[in-house]
Amino acid sequence: EADVSGIAGARVVAADVTDADAVSA
């Protein structure tokens, strides 16, 4: 969850930074 309205080229991804598999993907 994050408000990225008005930020060109920005997207939000739901994942846990401590999850090595998710970060690798």
mmCIF file of all heavy atoms, coordinates in Angstrom:
data_MODEL
# 
_entry.id   MODEL 
# 
loop_
_atom_site.group_PDB 
_atom_site.id 
_atom_site.type_symbol 
_atom_site.label_atom_id 
_atom_site.label_alt_id 
_atom_site.label_comp_id 
_atom_site.label_asym_id 
_atom_site.label_entity_id 
_atom_site.label_seq_id 
_atom_site.pdbx_PDB_ins_code 
_atom_site.Cartn_x 
_atom_site.Cartn_y 
_atom_site.Cartn_z 
_atom_site.occupancy 
_atom_site.B_iso_or_equiv 
_atom_site.pdbx_formal_charge 
_atom_site.auth_seq_id 
_atom_site.auth_comp_id 
_atom_site.auth_asym_id 
_atom_site.auth_atom_id 
_atom_site.pdbx_PDB_model_num 
ATOM 1   N N   . GLU A 1 1  ? 0.838  -1.194  0.000   1.00 0.00 ? 1  GLU A N   1 
ATOM 2   C CA  . GLU A 1 1  ? 0.000  0.000   0.000   1.00 0.00 ? 1  GLU A CA  1 
ATOM 3   C C   . GLU A 1 1  ? 0.874  1.245   0.000   1.00 0.00 ? 1  GLU A C   1 
ATOM 4   O O   . GLU A 1 1  ? 1.732  1.414   0.865   1.00 0.00 ? 1  GLU A O   1 
ATOM 5   C CB  . GLU A 1 1  ? -0.909 0.020   1.221   1.00 0.00 ? 1  GLU A CB  1 
ATOM 6   C CG  . GLU A 1 1  ? -1.869 -1.169  1.306   1.00 0.00 ? 1  GLU A CG  1 
ATOM 7   C CD  . GLU A 1 1  ? -2.601 -1.206  2.629   1.00 0.00 ? 1  GLU A CD  1 
ATOM 8   O OE1 . GLU A 1 1  ? -2.318 -0.333  3.487   1.00 0.00 ? 1  GLU A OE1 1 
ATOM 9   O OE2 . GLU A 1 1  ? -3.447 -2.089  2.818   1.00 0.00 ? 1  GLU A OE2 1 
ATOM 10  N N   . ALA A 1 2  ? 0.680  2.099   -0.983  1.00 0.00 ? 2  ALA A N   1 
ATOM 11  C CA  . ALA A 1 2  ? 1.385  3.371   -1.038  1.00 0.00 ? 2  ALA A CA  1 
ATOM 12  C C   . ALA A 1 2  ? 0.707  4.239   -2.080  1.00 0.00 ? 2  ALA A C   1 
ATOM 13  O O   . ALA A 1 2  ? 0.221  3.740   -3.099  1.00 0.00 ? 2  ALA A O   1 
ATOM 14  C CB  . ALA A 1 2  ? 2.856  3.175   -1.382  1.00 0.00 ? 2  ALA A CB  1 
ATOM 15  N N   . ASP A 1 3  ? 0.667  5.530   -1.824  1.00 0.00 ? 3  ASP A N   1 
ATOM 16  C CA  . ASP A 1 3  ? 0.065  6.468   -2.768  1.00 0.00 ? 3  ASP A CA  1 
ATOM 17  C C   . ASP A 1 3  ? 1.147  6.918   -3.747  1.00 0.00 ? 3  ASP A C   1 
ATOM 18  O O   . ASP A 1 3  ? 2.039  7.696   -3.388  1.00 0.00 ? 3  ASP A O   1 
ATOM 19  C CB  . ASP A 1 3  ? -0.504 7.667   -2.009  1.00 0.00 ? 3  ASP A CB  1 
ATOM 20  C CG  . ASP A 1 3  ? -1.126 8.698   -2.947  1.00 0.00 ? 3  ASP A CG  1 
ATOM 21  O OD1 . ASP A 1 3  ? -1.288 8.391   -4.145  1.00 0.00 ? 3  ASP A OD1 1 
ATOM 22  O OD2 . ASP A 1 3  ? -1.421 9.811   -2.479  1.00 0.00 ? 3  ASP A OD2 1 
ATOM 23  N N   . VAL A 1 4  ? 1.091  6.427   -4.972  1.00 0.00 ? 4  VAL A N   1 
ATOM 24  C CA  . VAL A 1 4  ? 2.088  6.792   -5.976  1.00 0.00 ? 4  VAL A CA  1 
ATOM 25  C C   . VAL A 1 4  ? 1.474  7.669   -7.063  1.00 0.00 ? 4  VAL A C   1 
ATOM 26  O O   . VAL A 1 4  ? 2.036  7.813   -8.149  1.00 0.00 ? 4  VAL A O   1 
ATOM 27  C CB  . VAL A 1 4  ? 2.732  5.538   -6.611  1.00 0.00 ? 4  VAL A CB  1 
ATOM 28  C CG1 . VAL A 1 4  ? 3.524  4.769   -5.578  1.00 0.00 ? 4  VAL A CG1 1 
ATOM 29  C CG2 . VAL A 1 4  ? 1.661  4.647   -7.240  1.00 0.00 ? 4  VAL A CG2 1 
ATOM 30  N N   . SER A 1 5  ? 0.319  8.267   -6.743  1.00 0.00 ? 5  SER A N   1 
ATOM 31  C CA  . SER A 1 5  ? -0.318 9.138   -7.727  1.00 0.00 ? 5  SER A CA  1 
ATOM 32  C C   . SER A 1 5  ? 0.603  10.313  -8.055  1.00 0.00 ? 5  SER A C   1 
ATOM 33  O O   . SER A 1 5  ? 1.186  10.931  -7.167  1.00 0.00 ? 5  SER A O   1 
ATOM 34  C CB  . SER A 1 5  ? -1.650 9.666   -7.186  1.00 0.00 ? 5  SER A CB  1 
ATOM 35  O OG  . SER A 1 5  ? -1.453 10.363  -5.966  1.00 0.00 ? 5  SER A OG  1 
ATOM 36  N N   . GLY A 1 6  ? 0.747  10.576  -9.327  1.00 0.00 ? 6  GLY A N   1 
ATOM 37  C CA  . GLY A 1 6  ? 1.587  11.682  -9.763  1.00 0.00 ? 6  GLY A CA  1 
ATOM 38  C C   . GLY A 1 6  ? 3.060  11.357  -9.817  1.00 0.00 ? 6  GLY A C   1 
ATOM 39  O O   . GLY A 1 6  ? 3.879  12.237  -10.108 1.00 0.00 ? 6  GLY A O   1 
ATOM 40  N N   . ILE A 1 7  ? 3.439  10.108  -9.542  1.00 0.00 ? 7  ILE A N   1 
ATOM 41  C CA  . ILE A 1 7  ? 4.854  9.726   -9.615  1.00 0.00 ? 7  ILE A CA  1 
ATOM 42  C C   . ILE A 1 7  ? 5.049  8.896   -10.882 1.00 0.00 ? 7  ILE A C   1 
ATOM 43  O O   . ILE A 1 7  ? 4.654  7.717   -10.936 1.00 0.00 ? 7  ILE A O   1 
ATOM 44  C CB  . ILE A 1 7  ? 5.291  8.909   -8.379  1.00 0.00 ? 7  ILE A CB  1 
ATOM 45  C CG1 . ILE A 1 7  ? 4.951  9.657   -7.093  1.00 0.00 ? 7  ILE A CG1 1 
ATOM 46  C CG2 . ILE A 1 7  ? 6.796  8.628   -8.439  1.00 0.00 ? 7  ILE A CG2 1 
ATOM 47  C CD1 . ILE A 1 7  ? 5.312  8.898   -5.830  1.00 0.00 ? 7  ILE A CD1 1 
ATOM 48  N N   . ALA A 1 8  ? 5.627  9.504   -11.871 1.00 0.00 ? 8  ALA A N   1 
ATOM 49  C CA  . ALA A 1 8  ? 5.795  8.826   -13.159 1.00 0.00 ? 8  ALA A CA  1 
ATOM 50  C C   . ALA A 1 8  ? 6.685  7.602   -13.001 1.00 0.00 ? 8  ALA A C   1 
ATOM 51  O O   . ALA A 1 8  ? 7.749  7.656   -12.382 1.00 0.00 ? 8  ALA A O   1 
ATOM 52  C CB  . ALA A 1 8  ? 6.402  9.790   -14.182 1.00 0.00 ? 8  ALA A CB  1 
ATOM 53  N N   . GLY A 1 9  ? 6.233  6.482   -13.592 1.00 0.00 ? 9  GLY A N   1 
ATOM 54  C CA  . GLY A 1 9  ? 7.050  5.274   -13.592 1.00 0.00 ? 9  GLY A CA  1 
ATOM 55  C C   . GLY A 1 9  ? 7.075  4.522   -12.292 1.00 0.00 ? 9  GLY A C   1 
ATOM 56  O O   . GLY A 1 9  ? 7.896  3.607   -12.119 1.00 0.00 ? 9  GLY A O   1 
ATOM 57  N N   . ALA A 1 10 ? 6.204  4.863   -11.333 1.00 0.00 ? 10 ALA A N   1 
ATOM 58  C CA  . ALA A 1 10 ? 6.226  4.205   -10.017 1.00 0.00 ? 10 ALA A CA  1 
ATOM 59  C C   . ALA A 1 10 ? 5.161  3.131   -9.931  1.00 0.00 ? 10 ALA A C   1 
ATOM 60  O O   . ALA A 1 10 ? 4.064  3.273   -10.460 1.00 0.00 ? 10 ALA A O   1 
ATOM 61  C CB  . ALA A 1 10 ? 6.021  5.231   -8.914  1.00 0.00 ? 10 ALA A CB  1 
ATOM 62  N N   . ARG A 1 11 ? 5.490  2.049   -9.270  1.00 0.00 ? 11 ARG A N   1 
ATOM 63  C CA  . ARG A 1 11 ? 4.525  0.985   -9.003  1.00 0.00 ? 11 ARG A CA  1 
ATOM 64  C C   . ARG A 1 11 ? 4.772  0.441   -7.601  1.00 0.00 ? 11 ARG A C   1 
ATOM 65  O O   . ARG A 1 11 ? 5.855  0.618   -7.030  1.00 0.00 ? 11 ARG A O   1 
ATOM 66  C CB  . ARG A 1 11 ? 4.651  -0.132  -10.034 1.00 0.00 ? 11 ARG A CB  1 
ATOM 67  C CG  . ARG A 1 11 ? 5.928  -0.960  -9.896  1.00 0.00 ? 11 ARG A CG  1 
ATOM 68  C CD  . ARG A 1 11 ? 5.996  -2.029  -10.976 1.00 0.00 ? 11 ARG A CD  1 
ATOM 69  N NE  . ARG A 1 11 ? 6.219  -1.439  -12.291 1.00 0.00 ? 11 ARG A NE  1 
ATOM 70  C CZ  . ARG A 1 11 ? 6.137  -2.121  -13.422 1.00 0.00 ? 11 ARG A CZ  1 
ATOM 71  N NH1 . ARG A 1 11 ? 5.810  -3.399  -13.404 1.00 0.00 ? 11 ARG A NH1 1 
ATOM 72  N NH2 . ARG A 1 11 ? 6.379  -1.532  -14.573 1.00 0.00 ? 11 ARG A NH2 1 
ATOM 73  N N   . VAL A 1 12 ? 3.761  -0.220  -7.056  1.00 0.00 ? 12 VAL A N   1 
ATOM 74  C CA  . VAL A 1 12 ? 3.851  -0.774  -5.704  1.00 0.00 ? 12 VAL A CA  1 
ATOM 75  C C   . VAL A 1 12 ? 3.724  -2.283  -5.783  1.00 0.00 ? 12 VAL A C   1 
ATOM 76  O O   . VAL A 1 12 ? 2.860  -2.808  -6.487  1.00 0.00 ? 12 VAL A O   1 
ATOM 77  C CB  . VAL A 1 12 ? 2.749  -0.202  -4.796  1.00 0.00 ? 12 VAL A CB  1 
ATOM 78  C CG1 . VAL A 1 12 ? 2.899  -0.732  -3.372  1.00 0.00 ? 12 VAL A CG1 1 
ATOM 79  C CG2 . VAL A 1 12 ? 2.785  1.316   -4.799  1.00 0.00 ? 12 VAL A CG2 1 
ATOM 80  N N   . VAL A 1 13 ? 4.596  -2.993  -5.067  1.00 0.00 ? 13 VAL A N   1 
ATOM 81  C CA  . VAL A 1 13 ? 4.587  -4.449  -5.037  1.00 0.00 ? 13 VAL A CA  1 
ATOM 82  C C   . VAL A 1 13 ? 4.461  -4.900  -3.586  1.00 0.00 ? 13 VAL A C   1 
ATOM 83  O O   . VAL A 1 13 ? 5.155  -4.377  -2.705  1.00 0.00 ? 13 VAL A O   1 
ATOM 84  C CB  . VAL A 1 13 ? 5.877  -5.031  -5.657  1.00 0.00 ? 13 VAL A CB  1 
ATOM 85  C CG1 . VAL A 1 13 ? 5.919  -6.544  -5.476  1.00 0.00 ? 13 VAL A CG1 1 
ATOM 86  C CG2 . VAL A 1 13 ? 5.963  -4.658  -7.126  1.00 0.00 ? 13 VAL A CG2 1 
ATOM 87  N N   . ALA A 1 14 ? 3.591  -5.882  -3.340  1.00 0.00 ? 14 ALA A N   1 
ATOM 88  C CA  . ALA A 1 14 ? 3.433  -6.429  -2.000  1.00 0.00 ? 14 ALA A CA  1 
ATOM 89  C C   . ALA A 1 14 ? 4.377  -7.610  -1.822  1.00 0.00 ? 14 ALA A C   1 
ATOM 90  O O   . ALA A 1 14 ? 4.235  -8.629  -2.496  1.00 0.00 ? 14 ALA A O   1 
ATOM 91  C CB  . ALA A 1 14 ? 1.994  -6.865  -1.770  1.00 0.00 ? 14 ALA A CB  1 
ATOM 92  N N   . ALA A 1 15 ? 5.337  -7.458  -0.950  1.00 0.00 ? 15 ALA A N   1 
ATOM 93  C CA  . ALA A 1 15 ? 6.281  -8.535  -0.646  1.00 0.00 ? 15 ALA A CA  1 
ATOM 94  C C   . ALA A 1 15 ? 7.044  -8.157  0.612   1.00 0.00 ? 15 ALA A C   1 
ATOM 95  O O   . ALA A 1 15 ? 7.118  -6.980  0.973   1.00 0.00 ? 15 ALA A O   1 
ATOM 96  C CB  . ALA A 1 15 ? 7.245  -8.773  -1.807  1.00 0.00 ? 15 ALA A CB  1 
ATOM 97  N N   . ASP A 1 16 ? 7.583  -9.167  1.271   1.00 0.00 ? 16 ASP A N   1 
ATOM 98  C CA  . ASP A 1 16 ? 8.360  -8.957  2.490   1.00 0.00 ? 16 ASP A CA  1 
ATOM 99  C C   . ASP A 1 16 ? 9.835  -8.920  2.126   1.00 0.00 ? 16 ASP A C   1 
ATOM 100 O O   . ASP A 1 16 ? 10.347 -9.852  1.498   1.00 0.00 ? 16 ASP A O   1 
ATOM 101 C CB  . ASP A 1 16 ? 8.080  -10.085 3.482   1.00 0.00 ? 16 ASP A CB  1 
ATOM 102 C CG  . ASP A 1 16 ? 8.606  -9.769  4.874   1.00 0.00 ? 16 ASP A CG  1 
ATOM 103 O OD1 . ASP A 1 16 ? 9.660  -9.101  4.978   1.00 0.00 ? 16 ASP A OD1 1 
ATOM 104 O OD2 . ASP A 1 16 ? 7.976  -10.187 5.855   1.00 0.00 ? 16 ASP A OD2 1 
ATOM 105 N N   . VAL A 1 17 ? 10.531 -7.858  2.533   1.00 0.00 ? 17 VAL A N   1 
ATOM 106 C CA  . VAL A 1 17 ? 11.937 -7.714  2.178   1.00 0.00 ? 17 VAL A CA  1 
ATOM 107 C C   . VAL A 1 17 ? 12.803 -8.814  2.799   1.00 0.00 ? 17 VAL A C   1 
ATOM 108 O O   . VAL A 1 17 ? 13.916 -9.066  2.357   1.00 0.00 ? 17 VAL A O   1 
ATOM 109 C CB  . VAL A 1 17 ? 12.454 -6.316  2.589   1.00 0.00 ? 17 VAL A CB  1 
ATOM 110 C CG1 . VAL A 1 17 ? 12.538 -6.200  4.109   1.00 0.00 ? 17 VAL A CG1 1 
ATOM 111 C CG2 . VAL A 1 17 ? 13.793 -6.015  1.952   1.00 0.00 ? 17 VAL A CG2 1 
ATOM 112 N N   . THR A 1 18 ? 12.294 -9.506  3.830   1.00 0.00 ? 18 THR A N   1 
ATOM 113 C CA  . THR A 1 18 ? 13.058 -10.598 4.432   1.00 0.00 ? 18 THR A CA  1 
ATOM 114 C C   . THR A 1 18 ? 12.808 -11.928 3.726   1.00 0.00 ? 18 THR A C   1 
ATOM 115 O O   . THR A 1 18 ? 13.386 -12.949 4.105   1.00 0.00 ? 18 THR A O   1 
ATOM 116 C CB  . THR A 1 18 ? 12.715 -10.743 5.926   1.00 0.00 ? 18 THR A CB  1 
ATOM 117 O OG1 . THR A 1 18 ? 11.337 -11.082 6.063   1.00 0.00 ? 18 THR A OG1 1 
ATOM 118 C CG2 . THR A 1 18 ? 13.000 -9.452  6.673   1.00 0.00 ? 18 THR A CG2 1 
ATOM 119 N N   . ASP A 1 19 ? 11.958 -11.930 2.703   1.00 0.00 ? 19 ASP A N   1 
ATOM 120 C CA  . ASP A 1 19 ? 11.673 -13.130 1.917   1.00 0.00 ? 19 ASP A CA  1 
ATOM 121 C C   . ASP A 1 19 ? 12.623 -13.155 0.722   1.00 0.00 ? 19 ASP A C   1 
ATOM 122 O O   . ASP A 1 19 ? 12.404 -12.457 -0.276  1.00 0.00 ? 19 ASP A O   1 
ATOM 123 C CB  . ASP A 1 19 ? 10.218 -13.111 1.451   1.00 0.00 ? 19 ASP A CB  1 
ATOM 124 C CG  . ASP A 1 19 ? 9.815  -14.371 0.698   1.00 0.00 ? 19 ASP A CG  1 
ATOM 125 O OD1 . ASP A 1 19 ? 10.703 -15.072 0.172   1.00 0.00 ? 19 ASP A OD1 1 
ATOM 126 O OD2 . ASP A 1 19 ? 8.593  -14.634 0.615   1.00 0.00 ? 19 ASP A OD2 1 
ATOM 127 N N   . ALA A 1 20 ? 13.684 -13.931 0.815   1.00 0.00 ? 20 ALA A N   1 
ATOM 128 C CA  . ALA A 1 20 ? 14.711 -13.940 -0.227  1.00 0.00 ? 20 ALA A CA  1 
ATOM 129 C C   . ALA A 1 20 ? 14.152 -14.361 -1.585  1.00 0.00 ? 20 ALA A C   1 
ATOM 130 O O   . ALA A 1 20 ? 14.549 -13.823 -2.627  1.00 0.00 ? 20 ALA A O   1 
ATOM 131 C CB  . ALA A 1 20 ? 15.862 -14.855 0.177   1.00 0.00 ? 20 ALA A CB  1 
ATOM 132 N N   . ASP A 1 21 ? 13.226 -15.307 -1.607  1.00 0.00 ? 21 ASP A N   1 
ATOM 133 C CA  . ASP A 1 21 ? 12.659 -15.758 -2.878  1.00 0.00 ? 21 ASP A CA  1 
ATOM 134 C C   . ASP A 1 21 ? 11.870 -14.638 -3.544  1.00 0.00 ? 21 ASP A C   1 
ATOM 135 O O   . ASP A 1 21 ? 11.963 -14.426 -4.763  1.00 0.00 ? 21 ASP A O   1 
ATOM 136 C CB  . ASP A 1 21 ? 11.757 -16.969 -2.659  1.00 0.00 ? 21 ASP A CB  1 
ATOM 137 C CG  . ASP A 1 21 ? 12.540 -18.210 -2.248  1.00 0.00 ? 21 ASP A CG  1 
ATOM 138 O OD1 . ASP A 1 21 ? 13.755 -18.265 -2.547  1.00 0.00 ? 21 ASP A OD1 1 
ATOM 139 O OD2 . ASP A 1 21 ? 11.942 -19.112 -1.635  1.00 0.00 ? 21 ASP A OD2 1 
ATOM 140 N N   . ALA A 1 22 ? 11.079 -13.917 -2.757  1.00 0.00 ? 22 ALA A N   1 
ATOM 141 C CA  . ALA A 1 22 ? 10.287 -12.822 -3.312  1.00 0.00 ? 22 ALA A CA  1 
ATOM 142 C C   . ALA A 1 22 ? 11.181 -11.702 -3.835  1.00 0.00 ? 22 ALA A C   1 
ATOM 143 O O   . ALA A 1 22 ? 10.935 -11.134 -4.906  1.00 0.00 ? 22 ALA A O   1 
ATOM 144 C CB  . ALA A 1 22 ? 9.331  -12.285 -2.253  1.00 0.00 ? 22 ALA A CB  1 
ATOM 145 N N   . VAL A 1 23 ? 12.236 -11.395 -3.082  1.00 0.00 ? 23 VAL A N   1 
ATOM 146 C CA  . VAL A 1 23 ? 13.151 -10.343 -3.524  1.00 0.00 ? 23 VAL A CA  1 
ATOM 147 C C   . VAL A 1 23 ? 13.899 -10.774 -4.785  1.00 0.00 ? 23 VAL A C   1 
ATOM 148 O O   . VAL A 1 23 ? 14.077 -9.981  -5.716  1.00 0.00 ? 23 VAL A O   1 
ATOM 149 C CB  . VAL A 1 23 ? 14.138 -9.981  -2.391  1.00 0.00 ? 23 VAL A CB  1 
ATOM 150 C CG1 . VAL A 1 23 ? 15.198 -8.994  -2.895  1.00 0.00 ? 23 VAL A CG1 1 
ATOM 151 C CG2 . VAL A 1 23 ? 13.389 -9.382  -1.202  1.00 0.00 ? 23 VAL A CG2 1 
ATOM 152 N N   . SER A 1 24 ? 14.306 -12.028 -4.844  1.00 0.00 ? 24 SER A N   1 
ATOM 153 C CA  . SER A 1 24 ? 15.001 -12.538 -6.040  1.00 0.00 ? 24 SER A CA  1 
ATOM 154 C C   . SER A 1 24 ? 14.101 -12.440 -7.275  1.00 0.00 ? 24 SER A C   1 
ATOM 155 O O   . SER A 1 24 ? 14.539 -12.026 -8.358  1.00 0.00 ? 24 SER A O   1 
ATOM 156 C CB  . SER A 1 24 ? 15.432 -13.988 -5.830  1.00 0.00 ? 24 SER A CB  1 
ATOM 157 O OG  . SER A 1 24 ? 16.375 -14.092 -4.794  1.00 0.00 ? 24 SER A OG  1 
ATOM 158 N N   . ALA A 1 25 ? 12.827 -12.824 -7.111  1.00 0.00 ? 25 ALA A N   1 
ATOM 159 C CA  . ALA A 1 25 ? 11.899 -12.755 -8.230  1.00 0.00 ? 25 ALA A CA  1 
ATOM 160 C C   . ALA A 1 25 ? 11.688 -11.313 -8.674  1.00 0.00 ? 25 ALA A C   1 
ATOM 161 O O   . ALA A 1 25 ? 11.613 -11.023 -9.885  1.00 0.00 ? 25 ALA A O   1 
ATOM 162 C CB  . ALA A 1 25 ? 10.568 -13.387 -7.825  1.00 0.00 ? 25 ALA A CB  1 
# 
